[in-house]
């Protein structure tokens, strides 16, 4: 199959972040690899499954680890590790003033092109753990490091579609595959009226959240 290459800035690397737990390995590894392969194909990166598998298999030890795998355009693989952070019981979120552009194709790929997310994470107010972004149509997108799921008043659980401008998160995909969440265009009004807000990423799992009205 020919690559449908999307232009990327020189030096950009693909990222997969996951937790390693002794005796358990890596949760949802097949989804991480599928996303990495898909992004590599679409962005024109070399994807060598044997090299990637070898790097992952080298992980080990008796300590839970936060692992960050990056893939370069020529297929080179790097993995860095750190202590796995504890999951918080609940996060407080605010709406970022900056808007995402839903037609930015790179929003659908996890890459080192993260300046906007890093800038806003560096500017989190005291007592706030996450910013949520809207797009140019005022549709809910994602957080700086999380996807969003809203439990609506009727009990249905909804997450923004990729067309709103968000990353196809691995944990998000596991919820969609399980049929417990479906995609729907969501607005700030939906966020405010939701019965529950849940954030997710592959490293931390699901995190209950509340919206700050400041």
Protein backbone atom coordinates (compact mmCIF):
# COMPACT_ATOMS: atom_id res chain seq x y z
CA UNK A 1 0.00 0.00 0.00
CA UNK A 2 1.33 3.45 -0.87
CA UNK A 3 1.82 5.95 1.95
CA UNK A 4 -0.60 8.88 2.14
CA UNK A 5 2.15 11.20 3.32
CA UNK A 6 1.19 14.26 5.33
CA UNK A 7 4.00 16.89 5.48
CA UNK A 8 5.71 17.04 8.88
CA UNK A 9 8.40 19.42 10.17
CA UNK A 10 11.96 18.07 9.98
CA UNK A 11 13.04 16.32 13.15
CA UNK A 12 9.52 15.35 14.18
CA UNK A 13 9.25 12.00 15.95
CA UNK A 14 6.23 9.81 16.64
CA UNK A 15 5.47 9.12 20.31
CA UNK A 16 3.84 6.31 22.25
CA UNK A 17 3.63 6.73 26.03
CA UNK A 18 2.65 3.75 28.16
CA UNK A 19 3.11 2.22 31.57
CA UNK A 20 5.19 -0.85 32.32
CA UNK A 21 4.21 -2.82 35.42
CA UNK A 22 6.23 -5.80 36.68
CA UNK A 23 4.33 -9.02 36.15
CA UNK A 24 1.75 -7.30 33.95
CA UNK A 25 3.78 -5.86 31.10
CA UNK A 26 2.19 -3.14 28.96
CA UNK A 27 -1.57 -2.72 28.82
CA UNK A 28 -3.17 -2.29 25.39
CA UNK A 29 0.19 -2.77 23.66
CA UNK A 30 -1.48 -3.93 20.44
CA UNK A 31 -3.37 -0.63 20.23
CA UNK A 32 -0.19 1.37 20.78
CA UNK A 33 1.57 -0.54 17.99
CA UNK A 34 -1.41 -0.21 15.65
CA UNK A 35 -1.54 3.56 16.15
CA UNK A 36 2.23 3.88 15.69
CA UNK A 37 2.12 1.83 12.48
CA UNK A 38 -0.81 3.85 11.14
CA UNK A 39 0.88 7.17 11.84
CA UNK A 40 4.16 5.95 10.36
CA UNK A 41 2.33 4.94 7.19
CA UNK A 42 0.40 8.20 6.89
CA UNK A 43 3.41 10.41 7.64
CA UNK A 44 5.94 8.47 5.58
CA UNK A 45 8.04 7.15 8.48
CA UNK A 46 9.91 3.84 8.34
CA UNK A 47 8.17 1.31 10.60
CA UNK A 48 10.24 -1.77 11.47
CA UNK A 49 8.14 -4.01 13.76
CA UNK A 50 11.12 -6.20 14.65
CA UNK A 51 13.21 -3.24 15.80
CA UNK A 52 10.30 -1.79 17.77
CA UNK A 53 9.46 -5.13 19.40
CA UNK A 54 13.10 -5.56 20.42
CA UNK A 55 13.18 -2.17 22.11
CA UNK A 56 9.98 -2.92 24.02
CA UNK A 57 11.10 -6.41 25.04
CA UNK A 58 14.20 -4.88 26.64
CA UNK A 59 12.01 -3.20 29.25
CA UNK A 60 12.06 -4.87 32.64
CA UNK A 61 12.74 -4.48 36.33
CA UNK A 62 10.79 -4.51 39.56
CA UNK A 63 9.62 -0.88 39.43
CA UNK A 64 6.55 0.43 37.58
CA UNK A 65 7.75 2.70 34.78
CA UNK A 66 6.46 5.51 32.62
CA UNK A 67 7.81 4.66 29.17
CA UNK A 68 8.12 7.04 26.24
CA UNK A 69 8.89 5.40 22.91
CA UNK A 70 9.75 7.66 19.99
CA UNK A 71 10.16 6.72 16.34
CA UNK A 72 12.20 8.79 13.89
CA UNK A 73 11.47 9.22 10.22
CA UNK A 74 14.19 6.71 9.24
CA UNK A 75 12.88 4.09 11.65
CA UNK A 76 15.21 4.69 14.60
CA UNK A 77 13.64 3.86 17.98
CA UNK A 78 14.33 5.36 21.40
CA UNK A 79 12.72 4.49 24.74
CA UNK A 80 13.15 6.60 27.87
CA UNK A 81 11.73 5.64 31.25
CA UNK A 82 10.88 7.33 34.53
CA UNK A 83 9.00 6.43 37.68
CA UNK A 84 5.33 5.81 36.97
CA UNK A 85 3.22 8.65 38.43
CA UNK A 86 0.38 7.89 40.81
CA UNK A 87 -3.11 8.39 39.43
CA UNK A 88 -5.06 11.26 40.99
CA UNK A 89 -8.56 10.63 42.30
CA UNK A 90 -9.97 13.72 40.56
CA UNK A 91 -8.74 16.56 38.37
CA UNK A 92 -10.08 20.08 37.97
CA UNK A 93 -10.22 21.31 34.36
CA UNK A 94 -10.63 24.66 32.63
CA UNK A 95 -11.24 25.70 29.03
CA UNK A 96 -8.11 27.03 27.32
CA UNK A 97 -8.60 30.37 25.55
CA UNK A 98 -6.62 29.11 22.54
CA UNK A 99 -8.55 27.28 19.82
CA UNK A 100 -7.46 24.16 17.95
CA UNK A 101 -7.82 23.98 14.16
CA UNK A 102 -9.74 20.85 13.29
CA UNK A 103 -8.23 20.65 9.79
CA UNK A 104 -4.69 20.32 11.19
CA UNK A 105 -3.98 16.72 10.15
CA UNK A 106 -1.16 16.37 12.68
CA UNK A 107 -3.65 16.59 15.56
CA UNK A 108 -4.52 12.99 14.70
CA UNK A 109 -0.96 11.81 15.33
CA UNK A 110 0.99 11.74 18.58
CA UNK A 111 4.25 13.48 17.74
CA UNK A 112 6.96 15.61 19.31
CA UNK A 113 5.19 18.61 17.76
CA UNK A 114 3.64 19.46 21.12
CA UNK A 115 4.52 23.13 21.69
CA UNK A 116 0.92 24.26 22.19
CA UNK A 117 0.21 21.50 24.72
CA UNK A 118 3.48 22.03 26.57
CA UNK A 119 2.92 25.78 26.74
CA UNK A 120 -0.50 25.40 28.31
CA UNK A 121 0.63 22.66 30.72
CA UNK A 122 3.35 25.01 31.90
CA UNK A 123 0.64 27.61 32.62
CA UNK A 124 -1.76 25.51 34.71
CA UNK A 125 -3.29 27.63 37.49
CA UNK A 126 -3.03 26.44 41.08
CA UNK A 127 -5.57 23.71 41.73
CA UNK A 128 -6.13 22.98 38.02
CA UNK A 129 -4.67 19.80 36.53
CA UNK A 130 -5.78 20.04 32.89
CA UNK A 131 -6.84 22.44 30.16
CA UNK A 132 -9.49 21.40 27.66
CA UNK A 133 -9.49 22.79 24.13
CA UNK A 134 -12.28 23.82 21.79
CA UNK A 135 -11.84 24.13 18.02
CA UNK A 136 -12.67 26.95 15.64
CA UNK A 137 -16.32 25.79 15.61
CA UNK A 138 -16.46 25.78 19.45
CA UNK A 139 -16.55 21.98 19.49
CA UNK A 140 -14.88 20.15 22.36
CA UNK A 141 -11.59 18.53 21.29
CA UNK A 142 -9.24 17.15 23.97
CA UNK A 143 -6.96 18.07 26.84
CA UNK A 144 -3.23 18.72 26.82
CA UNK A 145 -2.51 15.07 27.71
CA UNK A 146 -5.97 13.50 27.80
CA UNK A 147 -9.04 12.58 25.80
CA UNK A 148 -12.46 13.50 27.15
CA UNK A 149 -15.58 11.44 27.77
CA UNK A 150 -18.85 13.04 28.89
CA UNK A 151 -21.59 11.10 30.61
CA UNK A 152 -24.75 12.84 29.49
CA UNK A 153 -27.93 13.27 31.58
CA UNK A 154 -29.45 10.20 29.86
CA UNK A 155 -26.43 8.09 30.87
CA UNK A 156 -24.88 7.85 27.41
CA UNK A 157 -21.07 8.25 27.32
CA UNK A 158 -19.77 10.37 24.45
CA UNK A 159 -16.32 11.41 23.22
CA UNK A 160 -15.42 13.97 20.52
CA UNK A 161 -14.79 12.56 17.02
CA UNK A 162 -11.43 12.92 15.32
CA UNK A 163 -13.04 15.42 12.94
CA UNK A 164 -13.30 17.88 15.84
CA UNK A 165 -9.51 17.85 16.11
CA UNK A 166 -8.24 15.36 18.64
CA UNK A 167 -5.75 12.57 19.08
CA UNK A 168 -7.04 8.99 18.65
CA UNK A 169 -5.93 8.06 22.16
CA UNK A 170 -5.22 4.42 22.93
CA UNK A 171 -7.39 4.30 26.04
CA UNK A 172 -10.11 6.18 24.14
CA UNK A 173 -9.93 3.53 21.41
CA UNK A 174 -10.25 0.73 23.97
CA UNK A 175 -13.49 2.32 25.24
CA UNK A 176 -14.84 2.64 21.68
CA UNK A 177 -13.88 -0.96 20.88
CA UNK A 178 -15.65 -2.14 24.04
CA UNK A 179 -18.81 -0.32 22.96
CA UNK A 180 -19.09 1.65 26.20
CA UNK A 181 -18.46 5.02 24.51
CA UNK A 182 -19.47 6.46 21.15
CA UNK A 183 -18.27 9.46 19.16
CA UNK A 184 -20.37 12.61 18.94
CA UNK A 185 -19.75 16.29 18.30
CA UNK A 186 -19.79 17.97 21.71
CA UNK A 187 -20.00 21.61 22.75
CA UNK A 188 -19.22 23.70 25.80
CA UNK A 189 -22.91 23.47 26.72
CA UNK A 190 -22.63 19.68 26.65
CA UNK A 191 -19.60 19.88 28.91
CA UNK A 192 -21.43 22.10 31.37
CA UNK A 193 -24.56 19.94 31.42
CA UNK A 194 -22.78 16.56 31.58
CA UNK A 195 -23.58 14.32 34.51
CA UNK A 196 -19.90 13.34 34.70
CA UNK A 197 -16.62 14.29 33.02
CA UNK A 198 -13.96 11.63 32.57
CA UNK A 199 -10.46 12.19 31.24
CA UNK A 200 -8.32 9.35 29.94
CA UNK A 201 -4.92 8.45 28.66
CA UNK A 202 -3.06 5.19 28.33
CA UNK A 203 -0.68 5.96 31.18
CA UNK A 204 -3.21 7.02 33.82
CA UNK A 205 -6.38 5.26 32.69
CA UNK A 206 -9.62 7.07 33.56
CA UNK A 207 -9.65 10.17 35.75
CA UNK A 208 -12.79 11.77 37.14
CA UNK A 209 -12.87 15.52 36.48
CA UNK A 210 -14.82 18.62 37.44
CA UNK A 211 -15.10 21.83 35.42
CA UNK A 212 -13.81 24.99 37.05
CA UNK A 213 -16.17 27.90 36.47
CA UNK A 214 -13.53 30.56 37.18
